[in-house]
Structure formats: C-alpha cells, structure tokens
Amino acid sequence: MSNYKLVDNAEKHQYEFHIEGFTPKIEYIKVRDEIYLPHTEVPRELEGRGIASDLVEQVLKDIEEKELKVIPLCPFVAGYIQKHPDWKRLVKKGINI
C-alpha cells in the first residue's frame, strides 16, 4: 500500500503525488465516461523508488471508483496494465494493450 496521497488536480487535468517538494503526475483527458492517460512523469530525483507504478495503481483505482473506461496512451500505463492484467477490465473495449 502506498505512503502517498493521490490528488486529482482537475484544474491541471492530472493526477498527482506531492513528494519531497516534487510532483509526480499522470496527465488525463476526460471525455464523457472515458479517460485518456497520455503521459506519466516522475521527476528524476524520485526515480527508482516505484513511485510511477504506485501512481498508476492509485489512478486506476480512482478511475474504477468513478466508473470510467481508460484509454492508456502512455506506454508506461499500458505496460503496467500488461503486467497486471486484472486492470484490463477498465480498458475501453476495442483497445489492444
């Protein structure tokens, strides 16, 4: 379980963690009941600590709670879903990962 609190920054259209003055994030575009995830970014200072995977997991949980379908455009998010196939249930039908 994560030590980081997920923030849905609707104004900036991104999910965020706030860690040691840095902001790892996943950008999103919501269109009706779908959410596109085009970009994940973790500052270099925080790399190698599993933060991106933790962020993706928390974002997917939030998406599930909001009953949205995900279109993972970001290669990291798509890769995470490939490694954790249970999350494929959230991927919009017709999207291959």
PDB file of N, CA and C in Angstrom:
ATOM      1  N   MET A   1       0.844  -1.202   0.000  1.00  0.00           N
ATOM      2  CA  MET A   1       0.000   0.000   0.000  1.00  0.00           C
ATOM      3  C   MET A   1       0.882   1.256   0.000  1.00  0.00           C
ATOM      4  N   SER A   2       0.409   2.246  -0.655  1.00  0.00           N
ATOM      5  CA  SER A   2       1.196   3.461  -0.859  1.00  0.00           C
ATOM      6  C   SER A   2       1.265   4.343   0.384  1.00  0.00           C
ATOM      7  N   ASN A   3       2.375   5.041   0.486  1.00  0.00           N
ATOM      8  CA  ASN A   3       2.513   6.059   1.526  1.00  0.00           C
ATOM      9  C   ASN A   3       2.107   7.425   0.999  1.00  0.00           C
ATOM     10  N   TYR A   4       1.722   7.489  -0.275  1.00  0.00           N
ATOM     11  CA  TYR A   4       1.454   8.769  -0.925  1.00  0.00           C
ATOM     12  C   TYR A   4      -0.031   8.951  -1.170  1.00  0.00           C
ATOM     13  N   LYS A   5      -0.482  10.190  -1.013  1.00  0.00           N
ATOM     14  CA  LYS A   5      -1.891  10.514  -1.205  1.00  0.00           C
ATOM     15  C   LYS A   5      -2.104  10.997  -2.636  1.00  0.00           C
ATOM     16  N   LEU A   6      -3.062  10.372  -3.316  1.00  0.00           N
ATOM     17  CA  LEU A   6      -3.376  10.757  -4.687  1.00  0.00           C
ATOM     18  C   LEU A   6      -4.218  12.026  -4.686  1.00  0.00           C
ATOM     19  N   VAL A   7      -3.838  12.969  -5.540  1.00  0.00           N
ATOM     20  CA  VAL A   7      -4.582  14.216  -5.712  1.00  0.00           C
ATOM     21  C   VAL A   7      -5.070  14.267  -7.153  1.00  0.00           C
ATOM     22  N   ASP A   8      -6.372  14.484  -7.338  1.00  0.00           N
ATOM     23  CA  ASP A   8      -6.927  14.688  -8.675  1.00  0.00           C
ATOM     24  C   ASP A   8      -6.982  16.191  -8.899  1.00  0.00           C
ATOM     25  N   ASN A   9      -5.980  16.722  -9.601  1.00  0.00           N
ATOM     26  CA  ASN A   9      -5.905  18.159  -9.861  1.00  0.00           C
ATOM     27  C   ASN A   9      -6.694  18.435 -11.146  1.00  0.00           C
ATOM     28  N   ALA A  10      -8.001  18.631 -10.984  1.00  0.00           N
ATOM     29  CA  ALA A  10      -8.898  18.806 -12.136  1.00  0.00           C
ATOM     30  C   ALA A  10      -8.538  20.046 -12.951  1.00  0.00           C
ATOM     31  N   GLU A  11      -8.048  21.079 -12.284  1.00  0.00           N
ATOM     32  CA  GLU A  11      -7.688  22.315 -12.972  1.00  0.00           C
ATOM     33  C   GLU A  11      -6.557  22.090 -13.974  1.00  0.00           C
ATOM     34  N   LYS A  12      -5.580  21.249 -13.591  1.00  0.00           N
ATOM     35  CA  LYS A  12      -4.443  20.953 -14.472  1.00  0.00           C
ATOM     36  C   LYS A  12      -4.652  19.662 -15.270  1.00  0.00           C
ATOM     37  N   HIS A  13      -5.769  18.981 -15.058  1.00  0.00           N
ATOM     38  CA  HIS A  13      -6.068  17.725 -15.751  1.00  0.00           C
ATOM     39  C   HIS A  13      -4.967  16.693 -15.515  1.00  0.00           C
ATOM     40  N   GLN A  14      -4.653  16.498 -14.234  1.00  0.00           N
ATOM     41  CA  GLN A  14      -3.647  15.494 -13.910  1.00  0.00           C
ATOM     42  C   GLN A  14      -3.851  14.962 -12.500  1.00  0.00           C
ATOM     43  N   TYR A  15      -3.472  13.700 -12.349  1.00  0.00           N
ATOM     44  CA  TYR A  15      -3.377  13.087 -11.033  1.00  0.00           C
ATOM     45  C   TYR A  15      -1.969  13.351 -10.532  1.00  0.00           C
ATOM     46  N   GLU A  16      -1.829  13.585  -9.231  1.00  0.00           N
ATOM     47  CA  GLU A  16      -0.529  13.959  -8.680  1.00  0.00           C
ATOM     48  C   GLU A  16      -0.266  13.273  -7.344  1.00  0.00           C
ATOM     49  N   PHE A  17       1.005  13.105  -7.055  1.00  0.00           N
ATOM     50  CA  PHE A  17       1.522  12.872  -5.711  1.00  0.00           C
ATOM     51  C   PHE A  17       2.341  14.119  -5.389  1.00  0.00           C
ATOM     52  N   HIS A  18       2.472  14.436  -4.106  1.00  0.00           N
ATOM     53  CA  HIS A  18       3.360  15.517  -3.668  1.00  0.00           C
ATOM     54  C   HIS A  18       4.383  14.881  -2.730  1.00  0.00           C
ATOM     55  N   ILE A  19       5.630  14.782  -3.231  1.00  0.00           N
ATOM     56  CA  ILE A  19       6.686  14.065  -2.514  1.00  0.00           C
ATOM     57  C   ILE A  19       7.941  14.925  -2.467  1.00  0.00           C
ATOM     58  N   GLU A  20       8.353  15.276  -1.257  1.00  0.00           N
ATOM     59  CA  GLU A  20       9.630  15.982  -1.056  1.00  0.00           C
ATOM     60  C   GLU A  20       9.760  17.196  -1.970  1.00  0.00           C
ATOM     61  N   GLY A  21       8.681  17.920  -2.164  1.00  0.00           N
ATOM     62  CA  GLY A  21       8.705  19.122  -2.991  1.00  0.00           C
ATOM     63  C   GLY A  21       8.576  18.860  -4.486  1.00  0.00           C
ATOM     64  N   PHE A  22       8.410  17.607  -4.886  1.00  0.00           N
ATOM     65  CA  PHE A  22       8.261  17.239  -6.301  1.00  0.00           C
ATOM     66  C   PHE A  22       6.827  16.768  -6.563  1.00  0.00           C
ATOM     67  N   THR A  23       6.448  16.755  -7.842  1.00  0.00           N
ATOM     68  CA  THR A  23       5.081  16.373  -8.213  1.00  0.00           C
ATOM     69  C   THR A  23       5.096  15.339  -9.336  1.00  0.00           C
ATOM     70  N   PRO A  24       5.215  14.051  -8.984  1.00  0.00           N
ATOM     71  CA  PRO A  24       4.986  13.018  -9.992  1.00  0.00           C
ATOM     72  C   PRO A  24       3.540  13.120 -10.456  1.00  0.00           C
ATOM     73  N   LYS A  25       3.293  12.859 -11.764  1.00  0.00           N
ATOM     74  CA  LYS A  25       1.932  13.091 -12.262  1.00  0.00           C
ATOM     75  C   LYS A  25       1.597  12.169 -13.423  1.00  0.00           C
ATOM     76  N   ILE A  26       0.292  11.992 -13.616  1.00  0.00           N
ATOM     77  CA  ILE A  26      -0.254  11.360 -14.810  1.00  0.00           C
ATOM     78  C   ILE A  26      -1.281  12.335 -15.360  1.00  0.00           C
ATOM     79  N   GLU A  27      -1.028  12.797 -16.579  1.00  0.00           N
ATOM     80  CA  GLU A  27      -1.961  13.731 -17.219  1.00  0.00           C
ATOM     81  C   GLU A  27      -3.157  12.948 -17.747  1.00  0.00           C
ATOM     82  N   TYR A  28      -4.316  13.603 -17.799  1.00  0.00           N
ATOM     83  CA  TYR A  28      -5.504  12.928 -18.325  1.00  0.00           C
ATOM     84  C   TYR A  28      -6.383  13.871 -19.122  1.00  0.00           C
ATOM     85  N   ILE A  29      -7.214  13.254 -19.961  1.00  0.00           N
ATOM     86  CA  ILE A  29      -8.254  13.962 -20.713  1.00  0.00           C
ATOM     87  C   ILE A  29      -9.534  13.161 -20.500  1.00  0.00           C
ATOM     88  N   LYS A  30     -10.532  13.779 -19.884  1.00  0.00           N
ATOM     89  CA  LYS A  30     -11.809  13.103 -19.684  1.00  0.00           C
ATOM     90  C   LYS A  30     -12.772  13.511 -20.791  1.00  0.00           C
ATOM     91  N   VAL A  31     -13.408  12.509 -21.394  1.00  0.00           N
ATOM     92  CA  VAL A  31     -14.423  12.736 -22.421  1.00  0.00           C
ATOM     93  C   VAL A  31     -15.597  11.824 -22.060  1.00  0.00           C
ATOM     94  N   ARG A  32     -16.654  12.420 -21.567  1.00  0.00           N
ATOM     95  CA  ARG A  32     -17.827  11.679 -21.102  1.00  0.00           C
ATOM     96  C   ARG A  32     -17.403  10.604 -20.091  1.00  0.00           C
ATOM     97  N   ASP A  33     -17.629   9.333 -20.422  1.00  0.00           N
ATOM     98  CA  ASP A  33     -17.310   8.257 -19.472  1.00  0.00           C
ATOM     99  C   ASP A  33     -15.970   7.595 -19.778  1.00  0.00           C
ATOM    100  N   GLU A  34     -15.110   8.304 -20.516  1.00  0.00           N
ATOM    101  CA  GLU A  34     -13.791   7.778 -20.851  1.00  0.00           C
ATOM    102  C   GLU A  34     -12.709   8.717 -20.323  1.00  0.00           C
ATOM    103  N   ILE A  35     -11.565   8.122 -20.014  1.00  0.00           N
ATOM    104  CA  ILE A  35     -10.425   8.926 -19.572  1.00  0.00           C
ATOM    105  C   ILE A  35      -9.175   8.452 -20.315  1.00  0.00           C
ATOM    106  N   TYR A  36      -8.555   9.385 -21.006  1.00  0.00           N
ATOM    107  CA  TYR A  36      -7.323   9.135 -21.746  1.00  0.00           C
ATOM    108  C   TYR A  36      -6.145   9.493 -20.842  1.00  0.00           C
ATOM    109  N   LEU A  37      -5.148   8.613 -20.798  1.00  0.00           N
ATOM    110  CA  LEU A  37      -3.946   8.855 -19.995  1.00  0.00           C
ATOM    111  C   LEU A  37      -2.749   8.954 -20.945  1.00  0.00           C
ATOM    112  N   PRO A  38      -2.425  10.176 -21.401  1.00  0.00           N
ATOM    113  CA  PRO A  38      -1.381  10.320 -22.417  1.00  0.00           C
ATOM    114  C   PRO A  38       0.056  10.385 -21.884  1.00  0.00           C
ATOM    115  N   HIS A  39       0.240  10.713 -20.595  1.00  0.00           N
ATOM    116  CA  HIS A  39       1.612  10.990 -20.154  1.00  0.00           C
ATOM    117  C   HIS A  39       1.768  10.775 -18.654  1.00  0.00           C
ATOM    118  N   THR A  40       2.832  10.054 -18.289  1.00  0.00           N
ATOM    119  CA  THR A  40       3.229   9.864 -16.889  1.00  0.00           C
ATOM    120  C   THR A  40       4.606  10.489 -16.728  1.00  0.00           C
ATOM    121  N   GLU A  41       4.797  11.177 -15.620  1.00  0.00           N
ATOM    122  CA  GLU A  41       6.086  11.841 -15.395  1.00  0.00           C
ATOM    123  C   GLU A  41       6.466  11.759 -13.927  1.00  0.00           C
ATOM    124  N   VAL A  42       7.684  11.275 -13.674  1.00  0.00           N
ATOM    125  CA  VAL A  42       8.243  11.252 -12.322  1.00  0.00           C
ATOM    126  C   VAL A  42       9.560  12.005 -12.378  1.00  0.00           C
ATOM    127  N   PRO A  43       9.721  13.033 -11.544  1.00  0.00           N
ATOM    128  CA  PRO A  43      10.983  13.784 -11.550  1.00  0.00           C
ATOM    129  C   PRO A  43      12.186  12.861 -11.312  1.00  0.00           C
ATOM    130  N   ARG A  44      13.270  13.166 -11.973  1.00  0.00           N
ATOM    131  CA  ARG A  44      14.495  12.365 -11.904  1.00  0.00           C
ATOM    132  C   ARG A  44      14.908  12.091 -10.451  1.00  0.00           C
ATOM    133  N   GLU A  45      14.711  13.067  -9.597  1.00  0.00           N
ATOM    134  CA  GLU A  45      15.127  12.930  -8.193  1.00  0.00           C
ATOM    135  C   GLU A  45      14.381  11.808  -7.463  1.00  0.00           C
ATOM    136  N   LEU A  46      13.233  11.396  -7.999  1.00  0.00           N
ATOM    137  CA  LEU A  46      12.413  10.380  -7.339  1.00  0.00           C
ATOM    138  C   LEU A  46      12.433   9.033  -8.063  1.00  0.00           C
ATOM    139  N   GLU A  47      13.171   8.941  -9.167  1.00  0.00           N
ATOM    140  CA  GLU A  47      13.191   7.712  -9.956  1.00  0.00           C
ATOM    141  C   GLU A  47      13.766   6.547  -9.163  1.00  0.00           C
ATOM    142  N   GLY A  48      13.337   5.335  -9.542  1.00  0.00           N
ATOM    143  CA  GLY A  48      13.881   4.122  -8.943  1.00  0.00           C
ATOM    144  C   GLY A  48      13.262   3.742  -7.617  1.00  0.00           C
ATOM    145  N   ARG A  49      12.153   4.378  -7.253  1.00  0.00           N
ATOM    146  CA  ARG A  49      11.513   4.084  -5.969  1.00  0.00           C
ATOM    147  C   ARG A  49      10.117   3.479  -6.133  1.00  0.00           C
ATOM    148  N   GLY A  50       9.753   3.130  -7.357  1.00  0.00           N
ATOM    149  CA  GLY A  50       8.448   2.515  -7.588  1.00  0.00           C
ATOM    150  C   GLY A  50       7.293   3.496  -7.567  1.00  0.00           C
ATOM    151  N   ILE A  51       7.611   4.777  -7.615  1.00  0.00           N
ATOM    152  CA  ILE A  51       6.572   5.808  -7.490  1.00  0.00           C
ATOM    153  C   ILE A  51       5.640   5.803  -8.695  1.00  0.00           C
ATOM    154  N   ALA A  52       6.170   5.626  -9.899  1.00  0.00           N
ATOM    155  CA  ALA A  52       5.316   5.628 -11.092  1.00  0.00           C
ATOM    156  C   ALA A  52       4.312   4.481 -11.039  1.00  0.00           C
ATOM    157  N   SER A  53       4.757   3.293 -10.658  1.00  0.00           N
ATOM    158  CA  SER A  53       3.837   2.153 -10.556  1.00  0.00           C
ATOM    159  C   SER A  53       2.776   2.390  -9.492  1.00  0.00           C
ATOM    160  N   ASP A  54       3.195   2.941  -8.374  1.00  0.00           N
ATOM    161  CA  ASP A  54       2.257   3.263  -7.295  1.00  0.00           C
ATOM    162  C   ASP A  54       1.227   4.277  -7.772  1.00  0.00           C
ATOM    163  N   LEU A  55       1.696   5.269  -8.502  1.00  0.00           N
ATOM    164  CA  LEU A  55       0.814   6.304  -9.040  1.00  0.00           C
ATOM    165  C   LEU A  55      -0.204   5.691 -10.001  1.00  0.00           C
ATOM    166  N   VAL A  56       0.261   4.846 -10.911  1.00  0.00           N
ATOM    167  CA  VAL A  56      -0.654   4.206 -11.872  1.00  0.00           C
ATOM    168  C   VAL A  56      -1.703   3.390 -11.128  1.00  0.00           C
ATOM    169  N   GLU A  57      -1.280   2.615 -10.145  1.00  0.00           N
ATOM    170  CA  GLU A  57      -2.230   1.779  -9.405  1.00  0.00           C
ATOM    171  C   GLU A  57      -3.313   2.627  -8.730  1.00  0.00           C
ATOM    172  N   GLN A  58      -2.903   3.697  -8.067  1.00  0.00           N
ATOM    173  CA  GLN A  58      -3.889   4.552  -7.397  1.00  0.00           C
ATOM    174  C   GLN A  58      -4.807   5.243  -8.402  1.00  0.00           C
ATOM    175  N   VAL A  59      -4.262   5.659  -9.539  1.00  0.00           N
ATOM    176  CA  VAL A  59      -5.078   6.298 -10.579  1.00  0.00           C
ATOM    177  C   VAL A  59      -6.110   5.304 -11.102  1.00  0.00           C
ATOM    178  N   LEU A  60      -5.697   4.061 -11.355  1.00  0.00           N
ATOM    179  CA  LEU A  60      -6.641   3.059 -11.851  1.00  0.00           C
ATOM    180  C   LEU A  60      -7.742   2.788 -10.831  1.00  0.00           C
ATOM    181  N   LYS A  61      -7.399   2.768  -9.556  1.00  0.00           N
ATOM    182  CA  LYS A  61      -8.425   2.592  -8.519  1.00  0.00           C
ATOM    183  C   LYS A  61      -9.422   3.752  -8.544  1.00  0.00           C
ATOM    184  N   ASP A  62      -8.923   4.969  -8.717  1.00  0.00           N
ATOM    185  CA  ASP A  62      -9.803   6.139  -8.781  1.00  0.00           C
ATOM    186  C   ASP A  62     -10.703   6.076 -10.022  1.00  0.00           C
ATOM    187  N   ILE A  63     -10.128   5.688 -11.142  1.00  0.00           N
ATOM    188  CA  ILE A  63     -10.895   5.567 -12.385  1.00  0.00           C
ATOM    189  C   ILE A  63     -12.005   4.532 -12.212  1.00  0.00           C
ATOM    190  N   GLU A  64     -11.671   3.441 -11.545  1.00  0.00           N
ATOM    191  CA  GLU A  64     -12.678   2.399 -11.319  1.00  0.00           C
ATOM    192  C   GLU A  64     -13.812   2.914 -10.437  1.00  0.00           C
ATOM    193  N   GLU A  65     -13.459   3.638  -9.377  1.00  0.00           N
ATOM    194  CA  GLU A  65     -14.487   4.201  -8.489  1.00  0.00           C
ATOM    195  C   GLU A  65     -15.408   5.164  -9.234  1.00  0.00           C
ATOM    196  N   LYS A  66     -14.850   5.881 -10.201  1.00  0.00           N
ATOM    197  CA  LYS A  66     -15.637   6.852 -10.972  1.00  0.00           C
ATOM    198  C   LYS A  66     -16.351   6.200 -12.165  1.00  0.00           C
ATOM    199  N   GLU A  67     -16.166   4.878 -12.309  1.00  0.00           N
ATOM    200  CA  GLU A  67     -16.818   4.094 -13.361  1.00  0.00           C
ATOM    201  C   GLU A  67     -16.505   4.625 -14.761  1.00  0.00           C
ATOM    202  N   LEU A  68     -15.228   4.956 -14.978  1.00  0.00           N
ATOM    203  CA  LEU A  68     -14.770   5.419 -16.285  1.00  0.00           C
ATOM    204  C   LEU A  68     -14.069   4.276 -17.013  1.00  0.00           C
ATOM    205  N   LYS A  69     -13.986   4.383 -18.323  1.00  0.00           N
ATOM    206  CA  LYS A  69     -13.198   3.456 -19.133  1.00  0.00           C
ATOM    207  C   LYS A  69     -11.894   4.160 -19.498  1.00  0.00           C
ATOM    208  N   VAL A  70     -10.802   3.429 -19.424  1.00  0.00           N
ATOM    209  CA  VAL A  70      -9.487   4.027 -19.636  1.00  0.00           C
ATOM    210  C   VAL A  70      -8.957   3.720 -21.043  1.00  0.00           C
ATOM    211  N   ILE A  71      -8.326   4.727 -21.621  1.00  0.00           N
ATOM    212  CA  ILE A  71      -7.588   4.585 -22.867  1.00  0.00           C
ATOM    213  C   ILE A  71      -6.133   4.945 -22.533  1.00  0.00           C
ATOM    214  N   PRO A  72      -5.285   3.926 -22.301  1.00  0.00           N
ATOM    215  CA  PRO A  72      -3.910   4.182 -21.849  1.00  0.00           C
ATOM    216  C   PRO A  72      -2.978   4.511 -23.021  1.00  0.00           C
ATOM    217  N   LEU A  73      -2.859   5.783 -23.340  1.00  0.00           N
ATOM    218  CA  LEU A  73      -1.971   6.218 -24.421  1.00  0.00           C
ATOM    219  C   LEU A  73      -0.512   6.226 -23.978  1.00  0.00           C
ATOM    220  N   CYS A  74      -0.282   6.425 -22.706  1.00  0.00           N
ATOM    221  CA  CYS A  74       1.077   6.448 -22.156  1.00  0.00           C
ATOM    222  C   CYS A  74       1.650   5.026 -22.145  1.00  0.00           C
ATOM    223  N   PRO A  75       2.832   4.826 -22.727  1.00  0.00           N
ATOM    224  CA  PRO A  75       3.434   3.484 -22.756  1.00  0.00           C
ATOM    225  C   PRO A  75       3.651   2.899 -21.355  1.00  0.00           C
ATOM    226  N   PHE A  76       3.955   3.741 -20.372  1.00  0.00           N
ATOM    227  CA  PHE A  76       4.174   3.224 -19.020  1.00  0.00           C
ATOM    228  C   PHE A  76       2.876   2.677 -18.435  1.00  0.00           C
ATOM    229  N   VAL A  77       1.779   3.411 -18.616  1.00  0.00           N
ATOM    230  CA  VAL A  77       0.482   2.957 -18.101  1.00  0.00           C
ATOM    231  C   VAL A  77       0.067   1.670 -18.818  1.00  0.00           C
ATOM    232  N   ALA A  78       0.212   1.641 -20.134  1.00  0.00           N
ATOM    233  CA  ALA A  78      -0.138   0.438 -20.898  1.00  0.00           C
ATOM    234  C   ALA A  78       0.701  -0.757 -20.430  1.00  0.00           C
ATOM    235  N   GLY A  79       1.986  -0.531 -20.200  1.00  0.00           N
ATOM    236  CA  GLY A  79       2.868  -1.586 -19.708  1.00  0.00           C
ATOM    237  C   GLY A  79       2.463  -2.077 -18.329  1.00  0.00           C
ATOM    238  N   TYR A  80       2.056  -1.153 -17.474  1.00  0.00           N
ATOM    239  CA  TYR A  80       1.604  -1.535 -16.131  1.00  0.00           C
ATOM    240  C   TYR A  80       0.375  -2.440 -16.240  1.00  0.00           C
ATOM    241  N   ILE A  81      -0.555  -2.080 -17.107  1.00  0.00           N
ATOM    242  CA  ILE A  81      -1.769  -2.886 -17.271  1.00  0.00           C
ATOM    243  C   ILE A  81      -1.420  -4.254 -17.857  1.00  0.00           C
ATOM    244  N   GLN A  82      -0.449  -4.315 -18.765  1.00  0.00           N
ATOM    245  CA  GLN A  82       0.002  -5.610 -19.306  1.00  0.00           C
ATOM    246  C   GLN A  82       0.547  -6.498 -18.196  1.00  0.00           C
ATOM    247  N   LYS A  83       1.310  -5.908 -17.277  1.00  0.00           N
ATOM    248  CA  LYS A  83       1.917  -6.669 -16.181  1.00  0.00           C
ATOM    249  C   LYS A  83       0.902  -7.029 -15.100  1.00  0.00           C
ATOM    250  N   HIS A  84      -0.201  -6.306 -15.040  1.00  0.00           N
ATOM    251  CA  HIS A  84      -1.256  -6.533 -14.049  1.00  0.00           C
ATOM    252  C   HIS A  84      -2.587  -6.661 -14.799  1.00  0.00           C
ATOM    253  N   PRO A  85      -2.768  -7.794 -15.499  1.00  0.00           N
ATOM    254  CA  PRO A  85      -3.894  -7.938 -16.430  1.00  0.00           C
ATOM    255  C   PRO A  85      -5.279  -7.809 -15.800  1.00  0.00           C
ATOM    256  N   ASP A  86      -5.383  -7.911 -14.499  1.00  0.00           N
ATOM    257  CA  ASP A  86      -6.688  -7.724 -13.853  1.00  0.00           C
ATOM    258  C   ASP A  86      -7.248  -6.325 -14.154  1.00  0.00           C
ATOM    259  N   TRP A  87      -6.352  -5.361 -14.381  1.00  0.00           N
ATOM    260  CA  TRP A  87      -6.801  -3.986 -14.665  1.00  0.00           C
ATOM    261  C   TRP A  87      -7.362  -3.830 -16.081  1.00  0.00           C
ATOM    262  N   LYS A  88      -7.176  -4.829 -16.935  1.00  0.00           N
ATOM    263  CA  LYS A  88      -7.706  -4.740 -18.299  1.00  0.00           C
ATOM    264  C   LYS A  88      -9.224  -4.549 -18.297  1.00  0.00           C
ATOM    265  N   ARG A  89      -9.863  -4.897 -17.181  1.00  0.00           N
ATOM    266  CA  ARG A  89     -11.324  -4.717 -17.084  1.00  0.00           C
ATOM    267  C   ARG A  89     -11.727  -3.253 -17.229  1.00  0.00           C
ATOM    268  N   LEU A  90     -10.798  -2.325 -17.002  1.00  0.00           N
ATOM    269  CA  LEU A  90     -11.103  -0.894 -17.110  1.00  0.00           C
ATOM    270  C   LEU A  90     -10.846  -0.332 -18.507  1.00  0.00           C
ATOM    271  N   VAL A  91     -10.102  -1.086 -19.317  1.00  0.00           N
ATOM    272  CA  VAL A  91      -9.703  -0.579 -20.634  1.00  0.00           C
ATOM    273  C   VAL A  91     -10.907  -0.623 -21.577  1.00  0.00           C
ATOM    274  N   LYS A  92     -11.084   0.464 -22.300  1.00  0.00           N
ATOM    275  CA  LYS A  92     -12.199   0.556 -23.250  1.00  0.00           C
ATOM    276  C   LYS A  92     -12.139  -0.611 -24.240  1.00  0.00           C
ATOM    277  N   LYS A  93     -13.292  -1.214 -24.487  1.00  0.00           N
ATOM    278  CA  LYS A  93     -13.365  -2.318 -25.436  1.00  0.00           C
ATOM    279  C   LYS A  93     -12.825  -1.869 -26.799  1.00  0.00           C
ATOM    280  N   GLY A  94     -12.082  -2.767 -27.458  1.00  0.00           N
ATOM    281  CA  GLY A  94     -11.525  -2.460 -28.762  1.00  0.00           C
ATOM    282  C   GLY A  94     -10.119  -1.884 -28.700  1.00  0.00           C
ATOM    283  N   ILE A  95      -9.658  -1.537 -27.496  1.00  0.00           N
ATOM    284  CA  ILE A  95      -8.298  -1.015 -27.313  1.00  0.00           C
ATOM    285  C   ILE A  95      -7.396  -2.192 -26.968  1.00  0.00           C
ATOM    286  N   ASN A  96      -6.380  -2.419 -27.781  1.00  0.00           N
ATOM    287  CA  ASN A  96      -5.436  -3.504 -27.512  1.00  0.00           C
ATOM    288  C   ASN A  96      -4.234  -2.987 -26.737  1.00  0.00           C
ATOM    289  N   ILE A  97      -3.881  -3.741 -25.739  1.00  0.00           N
ATOM    290  CA  ILE A  97      -2.709  -3.378 -24.926  1.00  0.00           C
ATOM    291  C   ILE A  97      -1.680  -4.466 -25.054  1.00  0.00           C
TER     292      ILE A  97
END
